Structure formats: structure tokens, C-alpha cells
């Protein structure tokens, strides 16, 4: 898939998640999950200084849906003890699945999960990677 197709697939997946979970209470669950992931992504990019191909918004939407997909497929349930060892967004997504599984599965009917699972959201532009490699090689060379 090219980048345009990947962005379209991510947007479609997130839209389905919104349809499934945003009209069930006063809380917009998909938006809340997205906001959590967006903050993680901003902090991550501030630390790494890489020039990523995909925007912060694309990545936040991807990770929000990815955690939902994992929650749909995971057979074990998270417990209170898990909270300290997981990203808050994973816990939130699994809770969404536990509460609204049927609605989510209905909205994702016909969705291409195989294509979604092929996405490498962590790609970055080569020029920055080369710079980081040179920087790290100088740091580690004797």
C-alpha cells in the first residue's frame, strides 16, 4: 500500500470506531482515546526528533484503532494490576471493547483487518534516519 492508501484506511477505521462508540453516552469515547494517543505521540516525537512520514493525527488514530483491534482479538481480560504496566490508552480501548463489543464488531463488519495489520506506522523519512545514524555512530565509535 502507498501512503495515501494507508491514510485512507486509517481514517476509515477511525470513522468506524467513532460510529460505534460516540453515540452511546455523553462521552465521545473514540475522541477520548484519540486524545490520549495524540499526547503520547507528541511526547514521543519531541524525544525522538525524527521526521515521520505520517502525521501525529494519523498515528494517534492508528494507535487508537490498533488497541481496539487488539482488544477484540485478545482472550485475556485486563485487571487493576495491569494498569501500572500498560499505556492508559490500551486500558481505555480494552474497556471500550468490554462495554461495546457488539457495536464495534457491527461497524467493523467487512473491514480489511489484514491490510490494517500490515501498516508500519513507525516509518520516517530517510534523511533524518541517516542523520541519526551518523550521530549515533560518532557517539559509539572508539
N, C-alpha and C. Protein backbone atom coordinates (compact mmCIF):
# COMPACT_ATOMS: atom_id res chain seq x y z
N UNK A 1 0.84 -1.19 0.00
CA UNK A 1 0.00 0.00 0.00
C UNK A 1 0.88 1.24 0.00
N UNK A 2 0.43 2.25 -0.71
CA UNK A 2 1.15 3.51 -0.66
C UNK A 2 0.64 4.35 0.51
N UNK A 3 1.30 5.46 0.78
CA UNK A 3 0.96 6.28 1.95
C UNK A 3 -0.47 6.82 1.90
N UNK A 4 -0.92 7.19 0.72
CA UNK A 4 -2.28 7.71 0.56
C UNK A 4 -3.31 6.63 0.93
N UNK A 5 -3.07 5.41 0.48
CA UNK A 5 -3.98 4.30 0.79
C UNK A 5 -3.96 3.98 2.29
N UNK A 6 -2.79 4.06 2.89
CA UNK A 6 -2.65 3.82 4.33
C UNK A 6 -3.44 4.86 5.12
N UNK A 7 -3.28 6.13 4.75
CA UNK A 7 -4.01 7.19 5.44
C UNK A 7 -5.52 7.02 5.29
N UNK A 8 -5.93 6.61 4.12
CA UNK A 8 -7.36 6.39 3.86
C UNK A 8 -7.89 5.24 4.71
N UNK A 9 -7.12 4.18 4.82
CA UNK A 9 -7.52 3.02 5.62
C UNK A 9 -7.60 3.39 7.10
N UNK A 10 -6.62 4.14 7.59
CA UNK A 10 -6.63 4.59 8.99
C UNK A 10 -7.85 5.48 9.25
N UNK A 11 -8.11 6.41 8.36
CA UNK A 11 -9.26 7.30 8.52
C UNK A 11 -10.57 6.53 8.52
N UNK A 12 -10.68 5.54 7.63
CA UNK A 12 -11.89 4.73 7.58
C UNK A 12 -12.07 3.93 8.86
N UNK A 13 -10.99 3.37 9.37
CA UNK A 13 -11.06 2.58 10.61
C UNK A 13 -11.47 3.46 11.78
N UNK A 14 -10.88 4.65 11.86
CA UNK A 14 -11.22 5.55 12.96
C UNK A 14 -12.67 6.03 12.84
N UNK A 15 -13.12 6.30 11.64
CA UNK A 15 -14.50 6.71 11.42
C UNK A 15 -15.47 5.62 11.90
N UNK A 16 -15.15 4.37 11.61
CA UNK A 16 -15.97 3.25 12.07
C UNK A 16 -16.00 3.19 13.60
N UNK A 17 -14.85 3.44 14.21
CA UNK A 17 -14.78 3.44 15.67
C UNK A 17 -15.65 4.56 16.24
N UNK A 18 -15.60 5.72 15.62
CA UNK A 18 -16.45 6.83 16.06
C UNK A 18 -17.93 6.46 15.96
N UNK A 19 -18.32 5.88 14.84
CA UNK A 19 -19.72 5.49 14.65
C UNK A 19 -20.16 4.49 15.71
N UNK A 20 -19.27 3.60 16.07
CA UNK A 20 -19.61 2.53 17.02
C UNK A 20 -19.72 3.03 18.46
N UNK A 21 -18.94 4.04 18.82
CA UNK A 21 -18.84 4.36 20.25
C UNK A 21 -19.21 5.78 20.65
N UNK A 22 -19.41 6.66 19.71
CA UNK A 22 -19.62 8.07 20.09
C UNK A 22 -21.07 8.44 20.39
N UNK A 23 -22.00 7.61 20.12
CA UNK A 23 -23.40 7.96 20.35
C UNK A 23 -24.06 7.10 21.42
N UNK A 24 -23.28 6.60 22.34
CA UNK A 24 -23.82 5.71 23.36
C UNK A 24 -23.98 6.39 24.72
N UNK A 25 -23.31 7.51 24.92
CA UNK A 25 -23.43 8.28 26.16
C UNK A 25 -22.96 9.71 25.87
N UNK A 26 -22.83 10.50 26.90
CA UNK A 26 -22.35 11.86 26.73
C UNK A 26 -20.87 11.92 26.40
N UNK A 27 -20.17 10.86 26.67
CA UNK A 27 -18.73 10.80 26.41
C UNK A 27 -18.47 10.33 24.99
N UNK A 28 -17.61 11.03 24.29
CA UNK A 28 -17.18 10.62 22.95
C UNK A 28 -15.94 9.73 23.12
N UNK A 29 -16.18 8.45 23.27
CA UNK A 29 -15.11 7.51 23.64
C UNK A 29 -13.98 7.46 22.62
N UNK A 30 -14.32 7.42 21.34
CA UNK A 30 -13.27 7.37 20.32
C UNK A 30 -12.40 8.63 20.39
N UNK A 31 -13.02 9.77 20.59
CA UNK A 31 -12.29 11.03 20.69
C UNK A 31 -11.40 11.05 21.93
N UNK A 32 -11.89 10.54 23.04
CA UNK A 32 -11.08 10.47 24.26
C UNK A 32 -9.86 9.58 24.07
N UNK A 33 -10.06 8.44 23.43
CA UNK A 33 -8.95 7.52 23.16
C UNK A 33 -7.95 8.19 22.21
N UNK A 34 -8.45 8.86 21.20
CA UNK A 34 -7.61 9.58 20.25
C UNK A 34 -6.76 10.65 20.96
N UNK A 35 -7.37 11.40 21.86
CA UNK A 35 -6.66 12.46 22.58
C UNK A 35 -5.52 11.89 23.43
N UNK A 36 -5.77 10.75 24.05
CA UNK A 36 -4.71 10.10 24.86
C UNK A 36 -3.54 9.73 23.95
N UNK A 37 -3.85 9.09 22.83
CA UNK A 37 -2.79 8.67 21.90
C UNK A 37 -2.08 9.86 21.28
N UNK A 38 -2.80 10.93 21.03
CA UNK A 38 -2.19 12.13 20.44
C UNK A 38 -1.14 12.71 21.39
N UNK A 39 -1.44 12.73 22.68
CA UNK A 39 -0.46 13.22 23.66
C UNK A 39 0.77 12.31 23.71
N UNK A 40 0.54 10.99 23.69
CA UNK A 40 1.68 10.07 23.65
C UNK A 40 2.54 10.33 22.42
N UNK A 41 1.90 10.52 21.29
CA UNK A 41 2.63 10.72 20.04
C UNK A 41 3.42 12.02 20.05
N UNK A 42 2.84 13.08 20.58
CA UNK A 42 3.55 14.36 20.68
C UNK A 42 4.79 14.22 21.56
N UNK A 43 4.64 13.57 22.70
CA UNK A 43 5.79 13.37 23.60
C UNK A 43 6.86 12.51 22.94
N UNK A 44 6.43 11.47 22.24
CA UNK A 44 7.36 10.57 21.56
C UNK A 44 8.17 11.33 20.51
N UNK A 45 7.50 12.14 19.72
CA UNK A 45 8.18 12.88 18.66
C UNK A 45 9.11 13.95 19.21
N UNK A 46 8.73 14.53 20.31
CA UNK A 46 9.60 15.53 20.94
C UNK A 46 10.91 14.89 21.37
N UNK A 47 10.84 13.67 21.83
CA UNK A 47 12.01 12.95 22.31
C UNK A 47 12.87 12.42 21.16
N UNK A 48 12.23 11.89 20.11
CA UNK A 48 12.97 11.22 19.05
C UNK A 48 13.54 12.15 17.99
N UNK A 49 12.89 13.26 17.74
CA UNK A 49 13.32 14.23 16.73
C UNK A 49 13.38 13.65 15.32
N UNK A 50 12.63 12.59 15.03
CA UNK A 50 12.60 12.01 13.68
C UNK A 50 11.58 12.73 12.82
N UNK A 51 11.76 12.66 11.54
CA UNK A 51 10.85 13.26 10.58
C UNK A 51 9.95 12.15 10.03
N UNK A 52 8.83 11.92 10.68
CA UNK A 52 7.95 10.82 10.34
C UNK A 52 7.16 11.09 9.07
N UNK A 53 6.84 10.05 8.35
CA UNK A 53 6.02 10.15 7.14
C UNK A 53 4.58 10.49 7.50
N UNK A 54 4.07 9.88 8.55
CA UNK A 54 2.68 10.07 8.93
C UNK A 54 2.55 11.14 10.01
N UNK A 55 1.47 11.88 9.96
CA UNK A 55 1.25 12.98 10.91
C UNK A 55 0.94 12.45 12.31
N UNK A 56 0.99 13.34 13.26
CA UNK A 56 0.62 13.00 14.64
C UNK A 56 -0.81 12.50 14.67
N UNK A 57 -1.69 13.18 13.93
CA UNK A 57 -3.10 12.77 13.91
C UNK A 57 -3.29 11.38 13.31
N UNK A 58 -2.59 11.10 12.20
CA UNK A 58 -2.68 9.78 11.59
C UNK A 58 -2.21 8.70 12.57
N UNK A 59 -1.11 8.95 13.23
CA UNK A 59 -0.56 7.97 14.18
C UNK A 59 -1.49 7.78 15.38
N UNK A 60 -2.03 8.87 15.89
CA UNK A 60 -2.94 8.77 17.04
C UNK A 60 -4.19 7.97 16.67
N UNK A 61 -4.72 8.20 15.49
CA UNK A 61 -5.89 7.43 15.03
C UNK A 61 -5.52 5.97 14.84
N UNK A 62 -4.35 5.74 14.24
CA UNK A 62 -3.90 4.36 14.04
C UNK A 62 -3.82 3.61 15.38
N UNK A 63 -3.12 4.20 16.35
CA UNK A 63 -2.93 3.52 17.63
C UNK A 63 -4.25 3.33 18.37
N UNK A 64 -5.15 4.28 18.26
CA UNK A 64 -6.47 4.13 18.89
C UNK A 64 -7.18 2.90 18.33
N UNK A 65 -7.20 2.79 17.01
CA UNK A 65 -7.87 1.64 16.38
C UNK A 65 -7.09 0.36 16.65
N UNK A 66 -5.77 0.43 16.61
CA UNK A 66 -4.94 -0.76 16.85
C UNK A 66 -5.23 -1.37 18.21
N UNK A 67 -5.37 -0.54 19.22
CA UNK A 67 -5.66 -1.05 20.56
C UNK A 67 -7.07 -1.67 20.62
N UNK A 68 -8.01 -1.10 19.90
CA UNK A 68 -9.36 -1.67 19.82
C UNK A 68 -9.29 -3.04 19.14
N UNK A 69 -8.58 -3.13 18.03
CA UNK A 69 -8.44 -4.40 17.31
C UNK A 69 -7.79 -5.44 18.21
N UNK A 70 -6.76 -5.04 18.93
CA UNK A 70 -6.11 -5.97 19.87
C UNK A 70 -7.10 -6.42 20.94
N UNK A 71 -7.90 -5.49 21.44
CA UNK A 71 -8.90 -5.83 22.45
C UNK A 71 -9.96 -6.80 21.93
N UNK A 72 -10.32 -6.64 20.66
CA UNK A 72 -11.30 -7.55 20.06
C UNK A 72 -10.74 -8.97 19.94
N UNK A 73 -9.44 -9.06 19.69
CA UNK A 73 -8.81 -10.37 19.45
C UNK A 73 -8.18 -11.01 20.68
N UNK A 74 -7.97 -10.25 21.73
CA UNK A 74 -7.31 -10.76 22.94
C UNK A 74 -8.31 -11.52 23.80
N UNK A 75 -7.94 -12.70 24.21
CA UNK A 75 -8.85 -13.52 25.01
C UNK A 75 -8.73 -13.26 26.51
N UNK A 76 -7.63 -12.68 26.94
CA UNK A 76 -7.49 -12.41 28.37
C UNK A 76 -7.97 -11.00 28.70
N UNK A 77 -8.56 -10.85 29.85
CA UNK A 77 -9.04 -9.54 30.28
C UNK A 77 -8.00 -8.85 31.13
N UNK A 78 -7.95 -7.55 31.02
CA UNK A 78 -7.04 -6.77 31.86
C UNK A 78 -7.66 -6.62 33.24
N UNK A 79 -6.81 -6.47 34.23
CA UNK A 79 -7.31 -6.25 35.59
C UNK A 79 -6.64 -5.01 36.18
N UNK A 80 -6.99 -4.68 37.38
CA UNK A 80 -6.46 -3.49 38.02
C UNK A 80 -4.94 -3.55 38.10
N UNK A 81 -4.40 -4.72 38.34
CA UNK A 81 -2.95 -4.89 38.43
C UNK A 81 -2.26 -4.51 37.12
N UNK A 82 -2.93 -4.73 36.00
CA UNK A 82 -2.38 -4.42 34.68
C UNK A 82 -2.19 -2.93 34.46
N UNK A 83 -2.93 -2.11 35.16
CA UNK A 83 -2.96 -0.68 34.90
C UNK A 83 -1.57 -0.03 35.00
N UNK A 84 -0.75 -0.48 35.91
CA UNK A 84 0.58 0.10 36.10
C UNK A 84 1.55 -0.24 34.97
N UNK A 85 1.25 -1.30 34.23
CA UNK A 85 2.20 -1.80 33.24
C UNK A 85 1.77 -1.56 31.80
N UNK A 86 0.65 -0.90 31.59
CA UNK A 86 0.15 -0.66 30.25
C UNK A 86 -0.05 0.83 30.01
N UNK A 87 -0.01 1.20 28.74
CA UNK A 87 -0.38 2.56 28.40
C UNK A 87 -1.84 2.77 28.78
N UNK A 88 -2.16 3.95 29.23
CA UNK A 88 -3.53 4.27 29.61
C UNK A 88 -4.49 4.02 28.43
N UNK A 89 -4.02 4.28 27.23
CA UNK A 89 -4.86 4.11 26.04
C UNK A 89 -5.22 2.64 25.79
N UNK A 90 -4.33 1.73 26.12
CA UNK A 90 -4.63 0.30 25.96
C UNK A 90 -5.74 -0.08 26.92
N UNK A 91 -5.61 0.34 28.15
CA UNK A 91 -6.63 0.05 29.16
C UNK A 91 -7.97 0.65 28.74
N UNK A 92 -7.95 1.87 28.25
CA UNK A 92 -9.16 2.56 27.81
C UNK A 92 -9.81 1.82 26.63
N UNK A 93 -8.99 1.42 25.66
CA UNK A 93 -9.50 0.71 24.48
C UNK A 93 -10.13 -0.63 24.87
N UNK A 94 -9.46 -1.37 25.75
CA UNK A 94 -10.00 -2.66 26.18
C UNK A 94 -11.32 -2.47 26.94
N UNK A 95 -11.42 -1.39 27.68
CA UNK A 95 -12.67 -1.10 28.37
C UNK A 95 -13.78 -0.78 27.37
N UNK A 96 -13.43 -0.06 26.31
CA UNK A 96 -14.41 0.22 25.26
C UNK A 96 -14.90 -1.08 24.63
N UNK A 97 -13.98 -2.00 24.37
CA UNK A 97 -14.36 -3.29 23.79
C UNK A 97 -15.23 -4.08 24.77
N UNK A 98 -14.87 -4.08 26.03
CA UNK A 98 -15.64 -4.81 27.03
C UNK A 98 -17.07 -4.28 27.14
N UNK A 99 -17.23 -2.98 26.98
CA UNK A 99 -18.55 -2.37 27.11
C UNK A 99 -19.35 -2.33 25.81
N UNK A 100 -18.68 -2.24 24.67
CA UNK A 100 -19.39 -2.01 23.41
C UNK A 100 -18.95 -2.95 22.29
N UNK A 101 -18.56 -4.16 22.63
CA UNK A 101 -18.05 -5.12 21.65
C UNK A 101 -19.01 -5.29 20.47
N UNK A 102 -20.28 -5.52 20.74
CA UNK A 102 -21.23 -5.78 19.65
C UNK A 102 -21.32 -4.59 18.69
N UNK A 103 -21.38 -3.38 19.23
CA UNK A 103 -21.46 -2.19 18.39
C UNK A 103 -20.19 -2.04 17.54
N UNK A 104 -19.04 -2.29 18.15
CA UNK A 104 -17.77 -2.16 17.43
C UNK A 104 -17.68 -3.22 16.33
N UNK A 105 -17.99 -4.45 16.67
CA UNK A 105 -17.94 -5.52 15.66
C UNK A 105 -18.90 -5.24 14.50
N UNK A 106 -20.06 -4.70 14.81
CA UNK A 106 -21.03 -4.37 13.76
C UNK A 106 -20.48 -3.32 12.81
N UNK A 107 -19.88 -2.26 13.35
CA UNK A 107 -19.33 -1.19 12.50
C UNK A 107 -18.11 -1.64 11.70
N UNK A 108 -17.36 -2.61 12.22
CA UNK A 108 -16.16 -3.07 11.53
C UNK A 108 -16.43 -4.27 10.62
N UNK A 109 -17.69 -4.62 10.45
CA UNK A 109 -18.04 -5.72 9.55
C UNK A 109 -17.59 -5.36 8.14
N UNK A 110 -16.83 -6.23 7.52
CA UNK A 110 -16.33 -6.01 6.17
C UNK A 110 -15.03 -5.22 6.11
N UNK A 111 -14.54 -4.78 7.24
CA UNK A 111 -13.28 -4.03 7.27
C UNK A 111 -12.11 -4.99 7.03
N UNK A 112 -11.11 -4.52 6.30
CA UNK A 112 -9.95 -5.35 5.96
C UNK A 112 -8.90 -5.27 7.07
N UNK A 113 -9.05 -6.13 8.08
CA UNK A 113 -8.12 -6.15 9.21
C UNK A 113 -6.73 -6.60 8.78
N UNK A 114 -6.64 -7.47 7.78
CA UNK A 114 -5.33 -7.93 7.32
C UNK A 114 -4.51 -6.76 6.77
N UNK A 115 -5.14 -5.93 5.95
CA UNK A 115 -4.43 -4.75 5.43
C UNK A 115 -4.05 -3.79 6.56
N UNK A 116 -4.97 -3.61 7.50
CA UNK A 116 -4.68 -2.72 8.62
C UNK A 116 -3.48 -3.22 9.41
N UNK A 117 -3.40 -4.51 9.63
CA UNK A 117 -2.29 -5.09 10.40
C UNK A 117 -0.96 -5.04 9.66
N UNK A 118 -0.98 -4.78 8.36
CA UNK A 118 0.26 -4.66 7.57
C UNK A 118 0.90 -3.28 7.70
N UNK A 119 0.16 -2.32 8.22
CA UNK A 119 0.67 -0.94 8.29
C UNK A 119 1.86 -0.84 9.23
N UNK A 120 2.90 -0.19 8.74
CA UNK A 120 4.06 0.14 9.58
C UNK A 120 4.01 1.64 9.85
N UNK A 121 3.35 2.01 10.92
CA UNK A 121 3.11 3.41 11.23
C UNK A 121 4.37 4.13 11.70
N UNK A 122 5.42 3.39 12.00
CA UNK A 122 6.63 4.00 12.56
C UNK A 122 7.65 4.40 11.49
N UNK A 123 7.24 4.43 10.22
CA UNK A 123 8.17 4.83 9.17
C UNK A 123 8.54 6.30 9.29
N UNK A 124 9.76 6.62 8.92
CA UNK A 124 10.18 8.01 8.90
C UNK A 124 10.98 8.26 7.63
N UNK A 125 11.21 9.52 7.34
CA UNK A 125 11.91 9.90 6.12
C UNK A 125 13.39 9.59 6.25
N UNK A 126 13.98 9.10 5.18
CA UNK A 126 15.35 8.61 5.19
C UNK A 126 16.39 9.66 5.60
N UNK A 127 16.21 10.89 5.21
CA UNK A 127 17.23 11.89 5.52
C UNK A 127 17.48 12.02 7.02
N UNK A 128 16.44 11.96 7.81
CA UNK A 128 16.58 12.08 9.26
C UNK A 128 17.20 10.82 9.85
N UNK A 129 16.85 9.67 9.29
CA UNK A 129 17.41 8.41 9.78
C UNK A 129 18.92 8.40 9.57
N UNK A 130 19.36 8.84 8.39
CA UNK A 130 20.80 8.87 8.11
C UNK A 130 21.51 9.79 9.09
N UNK A 131 20.90 10.95 9.38
CA UNK A 131 21.48 11.88 10.33
C UNK A 131 21.60 11.25 11.72
N UNK A 132 20.55 10.56 12.15
CA UNK A 132 20.58 9.92 13.47
C UNK A 132 21.63 8.82 13.53
N UNK A 133 21.75 8.06 12.45
CA UNK A 133 22.75 7.00 12.42
C UNK A 133 24.16 7.59 12.51
N UNK A 134 24.41 8.64 11.74
CA UNK A 134 25.74 9.28 11.81
C UNK A 134 26.01 9.81 13.21
N UNK A 135 25.02 10.42 13.80
CA UNK A 135 25.15 10.98 15.15
C UNK A 135 25.47 9.87 16.15
N UNK A 136 24.74 8.75 16.05
CA UNK A 136 24.94 7.64 16.99
C UNK A 136 26.26 6.92 16.74
N UNK A 137 26.67 6.81 15.48
CA UNK A 137 27.95 6.17 15.20
C UNK A 137 29.11 6.97 15.76
N UNK A 138 29.02 8.29 15.68
CA UNK A 138 30.07 9.13 16.27
C UNK A 138 30.09 8.96 17.77
N UNK A 139 28.93 8.85 18.36
CA UNK A 139 28.83 8.71 19.81
C UNK A 139 29.43 7.39 20.28
N UNK A 140 29.20 6.32 19.51
CA UNK A 140 29.63 4.99 19.94
C UNK A 140 31.01 4.59 19.39
N UNK A 141 31.58 5.35 18.48
CA UNK A 141 32.86 4.93 17.93
C UNK A 141 33.99 5.16 18.94
N UNK A 142 34.97 4.28 18.95
CA UNK A 142 36.07 4.39 19.91
C UNK A 142 37.03 5.51 19.62
